[in-house]
Structures are given as C-alpha cells and as structure tokens.
Amino acid sequence: MNRINLVCLGVRDMEKSLAFYKNIGFKTYVKENNPPIVFFDNQGSKLELYPIEKLAEDINADHSPEVCRAGFCGITLACNMKSEREVDDLMSTVANHGGTVVKKPGHVFWGGYSGYFQDPDGYYWEIAYGSVWEFDEKDMLIIHE
C-alpha cells in the first residue's frame, strides 16, 4: 500500500469550498455549484470534497467520530512549488479568493521558503519551495534518501 490516491476533505459549505478550490486552480468536471461530492484531478492523486457530517457517518453510522470544530486538528496539506515567486503568487491567489493567510511566505529553518493558509473549512495548507527540490515529468516532488 505505498500510495495515496485520494484525499477527502469534509466540508461544511460545499458551494463555498468548491468555488474556492476552483478559483485557486484545482480542476474538476463538476458543472453544478452545490453537488453532493466533488473530485478534483491532480497530478498523481485526487482531492475530494464531501459534506463533513456525511463523512463522519460514512466512517461509522452508529458511532460517528467527533468532528473537529475549530483549531488545529493535526493535519496539514502541502503544495510544493518551483520558485519563491510561485509561492507568493499562489498565496496571493488564495487570499484573493477567501483563503486566510496564517503565515506569510518567508525563509524558514530548513532552508526553504514557505507560508501557510487556511481554506474556508479551516484546513491548513503549506505552500513551499526548496532550492534543492526536484520534480518528475508529472511535477511530483522527488525526495532522495
């Protein structure tokens, strides 16, 4: 099981979340504004949006897990860029479309350049660049041991 095919985000407002992710560059074939589920095509994986309460019920209908209501719930998502300029440009796009910048991009302890934002449901995303990073033909980050 050495792969992740799909990351599902439980969302509170499908219409708002769908618009946000489309506006920052995620691609989907969905045409309606408030569908029951959304899949975005990414390079190597898919991002899914699904109503958060239904997601909790899907895990266990009889004893659904408690939904994290606010704060940091222990997970971040990341988008690795090819330059500091790409980090800045994406962070600006995010801010212009309803994301909340929680850490402005800047140089960080590990030698790279990164910042964090929250999407409309409070999920944290890191946008980062590292000068030594390499990408494959599908723009997937290559990590050498």
Foldseek 3Di string as FASTA:
>chain_A
DPAAAEDEDADAAQLLQVQLVVQLPFDFPDDDRGDQKTWTDALRHIYIYHHNVVVQCVVPVVDGDDDDQDDDPDDAAEDEDADLVVQQVSVVSNVVSAKAWPFDWDADDVGWIWTWIAGPRGHIYIYIYHNPWDADPSRHTDDDD
